[in-house]
Amino acid sequence: MGGRISPSIMCADFRNLETTIRALERARVDYLHVDIMDGSFVPNFTLGPDFINSVREMTDIPFDIHLMINRPEDFLPIFAIRPGDIVSVHQEATIHLQRTLQQIRDTGAKVSVALNPSTPIYTLDDILDDIDIVLIMTVNPGFAGQKLVPATLGKIHKLKQYLEQVGHSHIEIEVDGNVSCENAQKMRLAGADIFVAGTSSIFKKDQDLYELTEKFREYIT
């Protein structure tokens, strides 16, 4: 199976959001990546529960909810998480990580832990039985349009090897941050499964979103 596409909805033109959703449906994307930022865990504010509820009314595409917020366990109930969604939390954002992961599991969503570029792979040792996905941040979280942190390409490969060695090869790897077509191809070869597509790949001004998404798919097949 080829890689799966999770377009970053924060990169969309909000003036034409429903048109964007229809183009992504035609392109058969697998998820819609929704970045939630609180201005504390990361130095930016973005989308919230009202936005999620509005987009839910437009499409049945599952959501890939990336919580870049402190104490995510306190806010999970307000995001109307559905079975089949992905929910990612950062290790550094919660004191009782396994309790938070179980809260996500109880919603029926896929459980994901996000690793910042400097967060070591070995920090996953004690939570492997609690997760379905590892989200590798290939930039420092907070803003779209950043340059790739080069060491993260090797990190994807190391994570793939690590998961195989410890008998958890079923855990998928998602990548987020400057996932251009060229970088996505390298990430796919390194072992990535799910690709957050943003301004460096499919959301380009005055270019056809459907066509760019179809082109992007060729690099991750």
N, C-alpha and C. Protein backbone atom coordinates (compact mmCIF):
# COMPACT_ATOMS: atom_id res chain seq x y z
N MET A 1 0.84 -1.19 0.00
CA MET A 1 0.00 0.00 0.00
C MET A 1 0.87 1.24 0.00
N GLY A 2 0.44 2.22 -0.78
CA GLY A 2 1.20 3.46 -0.85
C GLY A 2 1.00 4.32 0.37
N GLY A 3 1.76 5.41 0.43
CA GLY A 3 1.61 6.34 1.54
C GLY A 3 0.26 7.04 1.50
N ARG A 4 -0.17 7.53 2.64
CA ARG A 4 -1.45 8.20 2.74
C ARG A 4 -1.26 9.70 2.96
N ILE A 5 -2.22 10.46 2.49
CA ILE A 5 -2.11 11.92 2.47
C ILE A 5 -3.04 12.53 3.50
N SER A 6 -2.49 13.46 4.29
CA SER A 6 -3.26 14.17 5.31
C SER A 6 -3.02 15.67 5.12
N PRO A 7 -3.79 16.32 4.23
CA PRO A 7 -3.57 17.74 3.96
C PRO A 7 -3.76 18.60 5.21
N SER A 8 -2.86 19.55 5.39
CA SER A 8 -2.92 20.46 6.53
C SER A 8 -3.91 21.57 6.26
N ILE A 9 -5.06 21.50 6.91
CA ILE A 9 -6.15 22.41 6.58
C ILE A 9 -5.83 23.84 6.99
N MET A 10 -4.86 24.06 7.89
CA MET A 10 -4.50 25.43 8.26
C MET A 10 -3.85 26.17 7.09
N CYS A 11 -3.41 25.42 6.07
CA CYS A 11 -2.78 26.03 4.90
C CYS A 11 -3.79 26.36 3.80
N ALA A 12 -5.05 26.00 4.03
CA ALA A 12 -6.07 26.23 3.01
C ALA A 12 -6.49 27.70 2.97
N ASP A 13 -7.13 28.07 1.87
CA ASP A 13 -7.73 29.40 1.73
C ASP A 13 -9.09 29.36 2.41
N PHE A 14 -9.20 29.95 3.60
CA PHE A 14 -10.44 29.87 4.35
C PHE A 14 -11.61 30.59 3.68
N ARG A 15 -11.31 31.46 2.72
CA ARG A 15 -12.38 32.14 2.00
C ARG A 15 -13.11 31.18 1.07
N ASN A 16 -12.44 30.09 0.71
CA ASN A 16 -13.02 29.10 -0.20
C ASN A 16 -12.87 27.69 0.38
N LEU A 17 -13.18 27.58 1.66
CA LEU A 17 -12.88 26.33 2.35
C LEU A 17 -13.68 25.16 1.81
N GLU A 18 -14.96 25.36 1.54
CA GLU A 18 -15.76 24.23 1.05
C GLU A 18 -15.29 23.77 -0.33
N THR A 19 -14.89 24.70 -1.17
CA THR A 19 -14.33 24.33 -2.48
C THR A 19 -13.06 23.51 -2.29
N THR A 20 -12.23 23.91 -1.32
CA THR A 20 -11.02 23.15 -1.01
C THR A 20 -11.35 21.73 -0.57
N ILE A 21 -12.33 21.61 0.31
CA ILE A 21 -12.73 20.28 0.80
C ILE A 21 -13.19 19.40 -0.36
N ARG A 22 -13.97 19.96 -1.27
CA ARG A 22 -14.46 19.17 -2.41
C ARG A 22 -13.31 18.69 -3.29
N ALA A 23 -12.30 19.54 -3.49
CA ALA A 23 -11.14 19.14 -4.30
C ALA A 23 -10.38 18.02 -3.61
N LEU A 24 -10.25 18.09 -2.30
CA LEU A 24 -9.55 17.05 -1.55
C LEU A 24 -10.34 15.74 -1.54
N GLU A 25 -11.66 15.84 -1.52
CA GLU A 25 -12.49 14.64 -1.64
C GLU A 25 -12.29 13.98 -2.99
N ARG A 26 -12.27 14.79 -4.05
CA ARG A 26 -12.05 14.23 -5.39
C ARG A 26 -10.68 13.56 -5.49
N ALA A 27 -9.71 14.11 -4.79
CA ALA A 27 -8.35 13.55 -4.81
C ALA A 27 -8.20 12.35 -3.87
N ARG A 28 -9.29 12.02 -3.16
CA ARG A 28 -9.32 10.82 -2.30
C ARG A 28 -8.25 10.87 -1.21
N VAL A 29 -8.11 12.01 -0.57
CA VAL A 29 -7.15 12.09 0.53
C VAL A 29 -7.66 11.24 1.69
N ASP A 30 -6.75 10.83 2.55
CA ASP A 30 -7.09 9.88 3.61
C ASP A 30 -7.55 10.56 4.89
N TYR A 31 -7.00 11.74 5.18
CA TYR A 31 -7.33 12.46 6.40
C TYR A 31 -7.31 13.96 6.11
N LEU A 32 -7.86 14.73 7.02
CA LEU A 32 -7.65 16.18 7.05
C LEU A 32 -6.88 16.49 8.32
N HIS A 33 -5.69 17.06 8.17
CA HIS A 33 -4.83 17.35 9.31
C HIS A 33 -5.23 18.70 9.90
N VAL A 34 -5.60 18.68 11.17
CA VAL A 34 -6.06 19.90 11.84
C VAL A 34 -5.09 20.23 12.98
N ASP A 35 -4.39 21.33 12.86
CA ASP A 35 -3.43 21.77 13.87
C ASP A 35 -4.12 22.64 14.91
N ILE A 36 -4.04 22.20 16.17
CA ILE A 36 -4.59 22.97 17.29
C ILE A 36 -3.42 23.50 18.10
N MET A 37 -3.28 24.82 18.20
CA MET A 37 -2.17 25.44 18.93
C MET A 37 -2.72 26.42 19.95
N ASP A 38 -2.08 26.44 21.13
CA ASP A 38 -2.63 27.21 22.25
C ASP A 38 -1.85 28.46 22.62
N GLY A 39 -0.78 28.77 21.89
CA GLY A 39 0.03 29.94 22.23
C GLY A 39 0.90 29.74 23.45
N SER A 40 0.91 28.53 23.99
CA SER A 40 1.71 28.22 25.17
C SER A 40 2.70 27.10 24.87
N PHE A 41 2.18 25.95 24.47
CA PHE A 41 3.09 24.86 24.09
C PHE A 41 3.89 25.24 22.86
N VAL A 42 3.26 25.94 21.93
CA VAL A 42 3.95 26.50 20.77
C VAL A 42 3.59 27.98 20.66
N PRO A 43 4.45 28.80 20.06
CA PRO A 43 4.21 30.25 20.03
C PRO A 43 3.28 30.68 18.89
N ASN A 44 2.09 30.08 18.85
CA ASN A 44 1.14 30.43 17.81
C ASN A 44 -0.24 29.98 18.26
N PHE A 45 -1.27 30.59 17.70
CA PHE A 45 -2.64 30.17 17.93
C PHE A 45 -3.23 29.72 16.60
N THR A 46 -3.95 28.59 16.63
CA THR A 46 -4.65 28.20 15.39
C THR A 46 -6.02 27.66 15.73
N LEU A 47 -6.48 26.72 14.96
CA LEU A 47 -7.85 26.27 14.90
C LEU A 47 -8.38 25.71 16.22
N GLY A 48 -9.71 25.71 16.36
CA GLY A 48 -10.31 25.25 17.59
C GLY A 48 -11.52 24.37 17.34
N PRO A 49 -12.27 24.04 18.39
CA PRO A 49 -13.39 23.10 18.26
C PRO A 49 -14.50 23.60 17.35
N ASP A 50 -14.79 24.89 17.33
CA ASP A 50 -15.85 25.39 16.46
C ASP A 50 -15.48 25.19 14.99
N PHE A 51 -14.21 25.39 14.68
CA PHE A 51 -13.75 25.15 13.31
C PHE A 51 -13.94 23.68 12.94
N ILE A 52 -13.53 22.79 13.83
CA ILE A 52 -13.67 21.36 13.57
C ILE A 52 -15.13 21.00 13.34
N ASN A 53 -16.02 21.52 14.17
CA ASN A 53 -17.44 21.21 14.01
C ASN A 53 -17.98 21.70 12.67
N SER A 54 -17.51 22.86 12.21
CA SER A 54 -17.96 23.39 10.92
C SER A 54 -17.51 22.51 9.77
N VAL A 55 -16.25 22.07 9.83
CA VAL A 55 -15.73 21.23 8.74
C VAL A 55 -16.38 19.85 8.78
N ARG A 56 -16.72 19.35 9.96
CA ARG A 56 -17.41 18.07 10.08
C ARG A 56 -18.71 18.08 9.26
N GLU A 57 -19.35 19.24 9.20
CA GLU A 57 -20.61 19.35 8.47
C GLU A 57 -20.41 19.32 6.95
N MET A 58 -19.15 19.52 6.52
CA MET A 58 -18.87 19.57 5.09
C MET A 58 -18.42 18.24 4.50
N THR A 59 -17.88 17.33 5.33
CA THR A 59 -17.21 16.15 4.77
C THR A 59 -17.20 14.99 5.76
N ASP A 60 -17.04 13.80 5.21
CA ASP A 60 -16.88 12.59 6.04
C ASP A 60 -15.42 12.13 6.10
N ILE A 61 -14.50 12.91 5.54
CA ILE A 61 -13.08 12.54 5.62
C ILE A 61 -12.67 12.52 7.09
N PRO A 62 -12.01 11.45 7.55
CA PRO A 62 -11.56 11.42 8.95
C PRO A 62 -10.58 12.55 9.24
N PHE A 63 -10.57 13.00 10.48
CA PHE A 63 -9.67 14.07 10.90
C PHE A 63 -8.39 13.50 11.51
N ASP A 64 -7.33 14.23 11.31
CA ASP A 64 -6.02 13.93 11.89
C ASP A 64 -5.70 15.12 12.79
N ILE A 65 -6.09 15.02 14.06
CA ILE A 65 -6.06 16.16 14.97
C ILE A 65 -4.74 16.19 15.72
N HIS A 66 -3.98 17.25 15.52
CA HIS A 66 -2.65 17.39 16.12
C HIS A 66 -2.74 18.44 17.22
N LEU A 67 -2.72 17.96 18.45
CA LEU A 67 -2.87 18.85 19.60
C LEU A 67 -1.51 19.35 20.07
N MET A 68 -1.17 20.54 19.67
CA MET A 68 0.05 21.21 20.14
C MET A 68 -0.34 22.14 21.28
N ILE A 69 -0.81 21.52 22.36
CA ILE A 69 -1.34 22.28 23.49
C ILE A 69 -0.88 21.63 24.79
N ASN A 70 -0.76 22.45 25.82
CA ASN A 70 -0.47 21.92 27.15
C ASN A 70 -1.72 21.29 27.75
N ARG A 71 -1.52 20.25 28.54
CA ARG A 71 -2.60 19.51 29.22
C ARG A 71 -3.69 19.08 28.23
N PRO A 72 -3.35 18.38 27.18
CA PRO A 72 -4.37 17.98 26.19
C PRO A 72 -5.50 17.16 26.80
N GLU A 73 -5.19 16.45 27.89
CA GLU A 73 -6.21 15.62 28.53
C GLU A 73 -7.41 16.43 29.02
N ASP A 74 -7.18 17.71 29.30
CA ASP A 74 -8.26 18.56 29.79
C ASP A 74 -9.20 19.01 28.67
N PHE A 75 -8.75 18.88 27.42
CA PHE A 75 -9.50 19.46 26.30
C PHE A 75 -10.02 18.43 25.30
N LEU A 76 -9.64 17.18 25.45
CA LEU A 76 -10.08 16.16 24.50
C LEU A 76 -11.61 16.15 24.31
N PRO A 77 -12.41 16.28 25.37
CA PRO A 77 -13.86 16.18 25.18
C PRO A 77 -14.47 17.25 24.28
N ILE A 78 -13.81 18.39 24.11
CA ILE A 78 -14.44 19.48 23.35
C ILE A 78 -14.20 19.36 21.85
N PHE A 79 -13.43 18.38 21.42
CA PHE A 79 -13.09 18.29 20.00
C PHE A 79 -13.93 17.28 19.22
N ALA A 80 -14.96 16.73 19.82
CA ALA A 80 -15.89 15.84 19.12
C ALA A 80 -15.14 14.79 18.29
N ILE A 81 -14.19 14.13 18.93
CA ILE A 81 -13.37 13.12 18.25
C ILE A 81 -14.25 11.93 17.86
N ARG A 82 -14.01 11.39 16.67
CA ARG A 82 -14.82 10.28 16.17
C ARG A 82 -13.95 9.05 15.93
N PRO A 83 -14.55 7.87 15.97
CA PRO A 83 -13.82 6.65 15.57
C PRO A 83 -13.26 6.81 14.16
N GLY A 84 -12.01 6.40 13.97
CA GLY A 84 -11.36 6.53 12.67
C GLY A 84 -10.49 7.76 12.54
N ASP A 85 -10.70 8.76 13.43
CA ASP A 85 -9.80 9.91 13.46
C ASP A 85 -8.43 9.49 13.99
N ILE A 86 -7.45 10.35 13.79
CA ILE A 86 -6.15 10.24 14.48
C ILE A 86 -6.06 11.41 15.45
N VAL A 87 -5.57 11.15 16.65
CA VAL A 87 -5.33 12.23 17.60
C VAL A 87 -3.90 12.11 18.10
N SER A 88 -3.11 13.17 17.89
CA SER A 88 -1.70 13.20 18.31
C SER A 88 -1.52 14.17 19.46
N VAL A 89 -0.77 13.72 20.48
CA VAL A 89 -0.37 14.60 21.57
C VAL A 89 1.15 14.53 21.70
N HIS A 90 1.71 15.59 22.25
CA HIS A 90 3.15 15.62 22.47
C HIS A 90 3.49 15.09 23.86
N GLN A 91 4.57 14.32 23.93
CA GLN A 91 4.98 13.76 25.21
C GLN A 91 5.21 14.84 26.26
N GLU A 92 5.81 15.93 25.83
CA GLU A 92 6.20 16.98 26.77
C GLU A 92 5.01 17.77 27.31
N ALA A 93 3.82 17.59 26.70
CA ALA A 93 2.67 18.44 27.02
C ALA A 93 1.80 17.90 28.14
N THR A 94 2.05 16.65 28.56
CA THR A 94 1.19 16.06 29.57
C THR A 94 2.03 15.28 30.58
N ILE A 95 1.68 15.36 31.84
CA ILE A 95 2.45 14.68 32.88
C ILE A 95 2.17 13.18 32.88
N HIS A 96 0.88 12.82 32.78
CA HIS A 96 0.47 11.41 32.84
C HIS A 96 0.12 10.94 31.42
N LEU A 97 1.15 10.66 30.65
CA LEU A 97 0.97 10.41 29.22
C LEU A 97 0.06 9.21 28.96
N GLN A 98 0.30 8.08 29.63
CA GLN A 98 -0.50 6.90 29.34
C GLN A 98 -1.99 7.11 29.65
N ARG A 99 -2.28 7.88 30.69
CA ARG A 99 -3.68 8.18 30.99
C ARG A 99 -4.31 8.98 29.84
N THR A 100 -3.56 9.92 29.30
CA THR A 100 -4.05 10.72 28.17
C THR A 100 -4.25 9.85 26.94
N LEU A 101 -3.31 8.95 26.68
CA LEU A 101 -3.44 8.06 25.53
C LEU A 101 -4.66 7.16 25.66
N GLN A 102 -4.95 6.70 26.86
CA GLN A 102 -6.14 5.88 27.08
C GLN A 102 -7.41 6.68 26.85
N GLN A 103 -7.41 7.95 27.21
CA GLN A 103 -8.56 8.81 26.94
C GLN A 103 -8.83 8.88 25.44
N ILE A 104 -7.75 8.99 24.66
CA ILE A 104 -7.92 9.01 23.20
C ILE A 104 -8.45 7.67 22.72
N ARG A 105 -7.89 6.59 23.22
CA ARG A 105 -8.33 5.24 22.82
C ARG A 105 -9.82 5.06 23.08
N ASP A 106 -10.29 5.60 24.18
CA ASP A 106 -11.70 5.43 24.56
C ASP A 106 -12.65 6.11 23.58
N THR A 107 -12.16 7.06 22.79
CA THR A 107 -13.01 7.72 21.79
C THR A 107 -13.16 6.90 20.52
N GLY A 108 -12.32 5.87 20.36
CA GLY A 108 -12.31 5.08 19.13
C GLY A 108 -11.34 5.59 18.09
N ALA A 109 -10.64 6.68 18.41
CA ALA A 109 -9.65 7.24 17.48
C ALA A 109 -8.35 6.46 17.54
N LYS A 110 -7.52 6.63 16.51
CA LYS A 110 -6.17 6.08 16.51
C LYS A 110 -5.29 6.96 17.39
N VAL A 111 -4.46 6.32 18.20
CA VAL A 111 -3.67 7.03 19.20
C VAL A 111 -2.28 7.31 18.66
N SER A 112 -1.88 8.57 18.73
CA SER A 112 -0.59 8.97 18.17
C SER A 112 0.18 9.84 19.16
N VAL A 113 1.48 9.62 19.21
CA VAL A 113 2.38 10.47 20.00
C VAL A 113 3.30 11.21 19.03
N ALA A 114 3.45 12.51 19.25
CA ALA A 114 4.31 13.34 18.40
C ALA A 114 5.67 13.52 19.05
N LEU A 115 6.72 13.39 18.23
CA LEU A 115 8.08 13.63 18.68
C LEU A 115 8.62 14.88 18.00
N ASN A 116 9.00 15.88 18.79
CA ASN A 116 9.69 17.06 18.24
C ASN A 116 11.04 16.64 17.67
N PRO A 117 11.65 17.48 16.83
CA PRO A 117 12.94 17.09 16.23
C PRO A 117 14.00 16.67 17.24
N SER A 118 14.00 17.27 18.43
CA SER A 118 15.04 16.94 19.41
C SER A 118 14.60 15.89 20.43
N THR A 119 13.37 15.38 20.31
CA THR A 119 12.89 14.37 21.26
C THR A 119 13.39 12.99 20.83
N PRO A 120 14.14 12.29 21.68
CA PRO A 120 14.74 11.01 21.27
C PRO A 120 13.70 9.90 21.07
N ILE A 121 14.03 8.97 20.20
CA ILE A 121 13.16 7.83 19.92
C ILE A 121 12.98 6.95 21.16
N TYR A 122 14.01 6.85 21.99
CA TYR A 122 13.92 5.94 23.14
C TYR A 122 12.83 6.34 24.13
N THR A 123 12.32 7.57 24.03
CA THR A 123 11.25 7.99 24.94
C THR A 123 9.95 7.23 24.67
N LEU A 124 9.92 6.46 23.58
CA LEU A 124 8.74 5.66 23.26
C LEU A 124 8.74 4.31 23.98
N ASP A 125 9.85 3.95 24.60
CA ASP A 125 10.02 2.59 25.13
C ASP A 125 8.84 2.09 25.93
N ASP A 126 8.29 2.91 26.81
CA ASP A 126 7.27 2.45 27.75
C ASP A 126 5.84 2.71 27.31
N ILE A 127 5.66 3.19 26.06
CA ILE A 127 4.29 3.46 25.61
C ILE A 127 3.95 2.75 24.29
N LEU A 128 4.80 1.86 23.85
CA LEU A 128 4.58 1.20 22.56
C LEU A 128 3.27 0.43 22.50
N ASP A 129 2.86 -0.13 23.62
CA ASP A 129 1.60 -0.88 23.64
C ASP A 129 0.39 0.04 23.66
N ASP A 130 0.61 1.34 23.79
CA ASP A 130 -0.49 2.29 23.95
C ASP A 130 -0.75 3.13 22.71
N ILE A 131 0.04 2.95 21.65
CA ILE A 131 -0.07 3.85 20.49
C ILE A 131 -0.23 3.07 19.18
N ASP A 132 -0.79 3.77 18.19
CA ASP A 132 -0.94 3.22 16.84
C ASP A 132 -0.01 3.90 15.85
N ILE A 133 0.37 5.14 16.17
CA ILE A 133 1.11 5.99 15.23
C ILE A 133 2.12 6.81 16.00
N VAL A 134 3.29 7.06 15.37
CA VAL A 134 4.24 8.05 15.88
C VAL A 134 4.33 9.17 14.84
N LEU A 135 4.08 10.38 15.29
CA LEU A 135 4.18 11.55 14.41
C LEU A 135 5.56 12.17 14.59
N ILE A 136 6.37 12.06 13.55
CA ILE A 136 7.70 12.67 13.57
C ILE A 136 7.60 14.10 13.04
N MET A 137 7.89 15.06 13.91
CA MET A 137 7.94 16.45 13.47
C MET A 137 9.28 16.68 12.77
N THR A 138 9.21 17.10 11.51
CA THR A 138 10.44 17.34 10.75
C THR A 138 10.79 18.83 10.71
N VAL A 139 10.00 19.63 11.42
CA VAL A 139 10.33 21.01 11.75
C VAL A 139 9.92 21.19 13.21
N ASN A 140 10.36 22.27 13.82
CA ASN A 140 9.88 22.57 15.17
C ASN A 140 8.45 23.10 15.08
N PRO A 141 7.53 22.54 15.87
CA PRO A 141 6.12 22.85 15.68
C PRO A 141 5.78 24.30 15.98
N GLY A 142 4.76 24.80 15.26
CA GLY A 142 4.28 26.15 15.52
C GLY A 142 3.90 26.95 14.30
N PHE A 143 4.64 26.78 13.20
CA PHE A 143 4.39 27.61 12.02
C PHE A 143 4.58 26.80 10.74
N ALA A 144 3.75 27.10 9.75
CA ALA A 144 3.91 26.51 8.42
C ALA A 144 5.05 27.21 7.69
N GLY A 145 5.61 26.53 6.68
CA GLY A 145 6.61 27.15 5.81
C GLY A 145 8.02 27.12 6.33
N GLN A 146 8.31 26.33 7.36
CA GLN A 146 9.67 26.27 7.89
C GLN A 146 10.55 25.33 7.07
N LYS A 147 11.85 25.48 7.24
CA LYS A 147 12.80 24.59 6.58
C LYS A 147 12.88 23.26 7.32
N LEU A 148 13.09 22.22 6.55
CA LEU A 148 13.25 20.88 7.12
C LEU A 148 14.47 20.83 8.05
N VAL A 149 14.32 20.19 9.21
CA VAL A 149 15.46 19.89 10.06
C VAL A 149 16.13 18.64 9.48
N PRO A 150 17.31 18.73 8.87
CA PRO A 150 17.88 17.61 8.10
C PRO A 150 17.99 16.31 8.88
N ALA A 151 18.32 16.38 10.16
CA ALA A 151 18.53 15.16 10.95
C ALA A 151 17.27 14.32 11.06
N THR A 152 16.10 14.91 10.80
CA THR A 152 14.87 14.16 10.98
C THR A 152 14.66 13.09 9.91
N LEU A 153 15.31 13.23 8.75
CA LEU A 153 15.22 12.17 7.74
C LEU A 153 15.85 10.89 8.27
N GLY A 154 17.01 11.01 8.88
CA GLY A 154 17.64 9.86 9.50
C GLY A 154 16.83 9.33 10.67
N LYS A 155 16.14 10.22 11.36
CA LYS A 155 15.32 9.82 12.51
C LYS A 155 14.17 8.92 12.07
N ILE A 156 13.57 9.22 10.93
CA ILE A 156 12.49 8.38 10.41
C ILE A 156 13.01 6.96 10.17
N HIS A 157 14.16 6.87 9.55
CA HIS A 157 14.76 5.55 9.27
C HIS A 157 15.08 4.81 10.57
N LYS A 158 15.64 5.52 11.53
CA LYS A 158 15.97 4.90 12.82
C LYS A 158 14.70 4.42 13.53
N LEU A 159 13.65 5.21 13.46
CA LEU A 159 12.39 4.82 14.09
C LEU A 159 11.83 3.57 13.44
N LYS A 160 11.88 3.51 12.11
CA LYS A 160 11.39 2.33 11.39
C LYS A 160 12.14 1.08 11.85
N GLN A 161 13.45 1.17 11.93
CA GLN A 161 14.27 0.05 12.37
C GLN A 161 13.95 -0.32 13.82
N TYR A 162 13.81 0.69 14.65
CA TYR A 162 13.52 0.48 16.08
C TYR A 162 12.20 -0.28 16.25
N LEU A 163 11.17 0.15 15.55
CA LEU A 163 9.86 -0.49 15.68
C LEU A 163 9.91 -1.94 15.23
N GLU A 164 10.67 -2.22 14.20
CA GLU A 164 10.81 -3.60 13.74
C GLU A 164 11.58 -4.44 14.76
N GLN A 165 12.62 -3.87 15.33
CA GLN A 165 13.46 -4.61 16.28
C GLN A 165 12.72 -4.96 17.56
N VAL A 166 11.81 -4.10 18.00
CA VAL A 166 11.11 -4.34 19.26
C VAL A 166 9.74 -5.00 19.05
N GLY A 167 9.48 -5.46 17.82
CA GLY A 167 8.25 -6.20 17.57
C GLY A 167 7.00 -5.36 17.47
N HIS A 168 7.13 -4.09 17.07
CA HIS A 168 5.98 -3.20 16.92
C HIS A 168 5.96 -2.58 15.53
N SER A 169 6.23 -3.38 14.53
CA SER A 169 6.28 -2.87 13.16
C SER A 169 4.91 -2.44 12.65
N HIS A 170 3.84 -2.80 13.39
CA HIS A 170 2.49 -2.38 13.00
C HIS A 170 2.24 -0.90 13.29
N ILE A 171 3.07 -0.30 14.15
CA ILE A 171 2.91 1.13 14.45
C ILE A 171 3.34 1.93 13.23
N GLU A 172 2.47 2.84 12.80
CA GLU A 172 2.74 3.62 11.59
C GLU A 172 3.51 4.90 11.93
N ILE A 173 4.18 5.42 10.92
CA ILE A 173 4.96 6.64 11.06
C ILE A 173 4.34 7.74 10.21
N GLU A 174 4.02 8.85 10.87
CA GLU A 174 3.50 10.03 10.18
C GLU A 174 4.57 11.11 10.21
N VAL A 175 4.62 11.93 9.18
CA VAL A 175 5.62 12.99 9.10
C VAL A 175 4.93 14.33 8.84
N ASP A 176 5.46 15.38 9.48
CA ASP A 176 4.83 16.69 9.41
C ASP A 176 5.91 17.77 9.46
N GLY A 177 5.98 18.58 8.40
CA GLY A 177 6.92 19.70 8.37
C GLY A 177 7.73 19.73 7.10
N ASN A 178 7.46 20.69 6.20
CA ASN A 178 8.16 20.82 4.92
C ASN A 178 8.15 19.49 4.16
N VAL A 179 6.96 18.91 4.07
CA VAL A 179 6.80 17.65 3.34
C VAL A 179 6.54 17.98 1.87
N SER A 180 7.58 18.49 1.22
CA SER A 180 7.52 18.77 -0.21
C SER A 180 7.54 17.45 -0.97
N CYS A 181 7.29 17.51 -2.27
CA CYS A 181 7.33 16.28 -3.06
C CYS A 181 8.69 15.59 -2.94
N GLU A 182 9.76 16.38 -3.07
CA GLU A 182 11.11 15.82 -2.99
C GLU A 182 11.37 15.22 -1.60
N ASN A 183 11.01 15.97 -0.56
CA ASN A 183 11.23 15.46 0.79
C ASN A 183 10.34 14.28 1.10
N ALA A 184 9.11 14.31 0.61
CA ALA A 184 8.18 13.20 0.85
C ALA A 184 8.71 11.90 0.27
N GLN A 185 9.32 11.99 -0.90
CA GLN A 185 9.89 10.79 -1.51
C GLN A 185 11.00 10.21 -0.62
N LYS A 186 11.84 11.08 -0.08
CA LYS A 186 12.90 10.62 0.82
C LYS A 186 12.30 10.05 2.11
N MET A 187 11.27 10.68 2.62
CA MET A 187 10.62 10.21 3.84
C MET A 187 9.96 8.85 3.62
N ARG A 188 9.37 8.68 2.46
CA ARG A 188 8.75 7.39 2.14
C ARG A 188 9.80 6.28 2.11
N LEU A 189 10.92 6.56 1.48
CA LEU A 189 12.00 5.58 1.42
C LEU A 189 12.55 5.27 2.80
N ALA A 190 12.51 6.26 3.70
CA ALA A 190 13.00 6.07 5.06
C ALA A 190 12.03 5.28 5.93
N GLY A 191 10.75 5.19 5.48
CA GLY A 191 9.80 4.39 6.23
C GLY A 191 8.51 5.06 6.63
N ALA A 192 8.26 6.30 6.19
CA ALA A 192 7.05 7.02 6.57
C ALA A 192 5.82 6.44 5.86
N ASP A 193 4.67 6.52 6.55
CA ASP A 193 3.42 5.98 6.02
C ASP A 193 2.37 7.05 5.73
N ILE A 194 2.32 8.09 6.57
CA ILE A 194 1.30 9.13 6.46
C ILE A 194 2.01 10.47 6.33
N PHE A 195 1.54 11.31 5.38
CA PHE A 195 2.26 12.52 5.03
C PHE A 195 1.36 13.75 5.17
N VAL A 196 1.77 14.67 6.02
CA VAL A 196 1.03 15.92 6.19
C VAL A 196 1.47 16.87 5.08
N ALA A 197 0.55 17.16 4.18
CA ALA A 197 0.87 17.98 3.00
C ALA A 197 0.40 19.40 3.22
N GLY A 198 1.31 20.36 3.01
CA GLY A 198 0.98 21.75 3.25
C GLY A 198 1.41 22.67 2.13
N THR A 199 1.97 23.82 2.50
CA THR A 199 2.30 24.85 1.50
C THR A 199 3.47 24.45 0.60
N SER A 200 4.29 23.51 1.04
CA SER A 200 5.43 23.11 0.22
C SER A 200 5.07 22.06 -0.81
N SER A 201 3.80 21.60 -0.81
CA SER A 201 3.43 20.52 -1.73
C SER A 201 2.11 20.77 -2.45
N ILE A 202 1.00 20.89 -1.73
CA ILE A 202 -0.29 20.92 -2.43
C ILE A 202 -1.05 22.23 -2.31
N PHE A 203 -0.77 23.03 -1.28
CA PHE A 203 -1.47 24.31 -1.11
C PHE A 203 -0.59 25.43 -1.66
N LYS A 204 -0.65 25.63 -2.97
CA LYS A 204 0.15 26.65 -3.62
C LYS A 204 -0.77 27.65 -4.32
N LYS A 205 -0.50 28.92 -4.10
CA LYS A 205 -1.37 29.98 -4.60
C LYS A 205 -1.52 29.90 -6.11
N ASP A 206 -2.77 30.01 -6.56
CA ASP A 206 -3.12 30.06 -7.99
C ASP A 206 -2.75 28.78 -8.74
N GLN A 207 -2.60 27.65 -8.02
CA GLN A 207 -2.38 26.37 -8.66
C GLN A 207 -3.48 25.40 -8.25
N ASP A 208 -3.79 24.46 -9.13
CA ASP A 208 -4.92 23.57 -8.93
C ASP A 208 -4.65 22.57 -7.81
N LEU A 209 -5.45 22.63 -6.76
CA LEU A 209 -5.24 21.79 -5.58
C LEU A 209 -5.39 20.31 -5.91
N TYR A 210 -6.40 19.97 -6.71
CA TYR A 210 -6.60 18.57 -7.07
C TYR A 210 -5.40 18.01 -7.82
N GLU A 211 -4.93 18.75 -8.81
CA GLU A 211 -3.79 18.29 -9.61
C GLU A 211 -2.53 18.18 -8.77
N LEU A 212 -2.29 19.13 -7.88
CA LEU A 212 -1.10 19.08 -7.04
C LEU A 212 -1.17 17.88 -6.08
N THR A 213 -2.36 17.58 -5.59
CA THR A 213 -2.51 16.44 -4.68
C THR A 213 -2.26 15.13 -5.42
N GLU A 214 -2.76 15.03 -6.64
CA GLU A 214 -2.52 13.84 -7.45
C GLU A 214 -1.03 13.68 -7.77
N LYS A 215 -0.37 14.78 -8.06
CA LYS A 215 1.07 14.74 -8.31
C LYS A 215 1.82 14.31 -7.06
N PHE A 216 1.42 14.86 -5.92
CA PHE A 216 2.09 14.51 -4.66
C PHE A 216 1.99 13.02 -4.39
N ARG A 217 0.85 12.43 -4.69
CA ARG A 217 0.63 11.02 -4.45
C ARG A 217 1.67 10.16 -5.19
N GLU A 218 2.10 10.61 -6.34
CA GLU A 218 3.07 9.84 -7.13
C GLU A 218 4.40 9.69 -6.38
N TYR A 219 4.74 10.67 -5.55
CA TYR A 219 6.02 10.65 -4.83
C TYR A 219 6.01 9.73 -3.60
N ILE A 220 4.83 9.32 -3.16
CA ILE A 220 4.74 8.52 -1.95
C ILE A 220 4.16 7.12 -2.21
N THR A 221 4.01 6.79 -3.47
CA THR A 221 3.46 5.46 -3.82
C THR A 221 4.51 4.38 -3.65
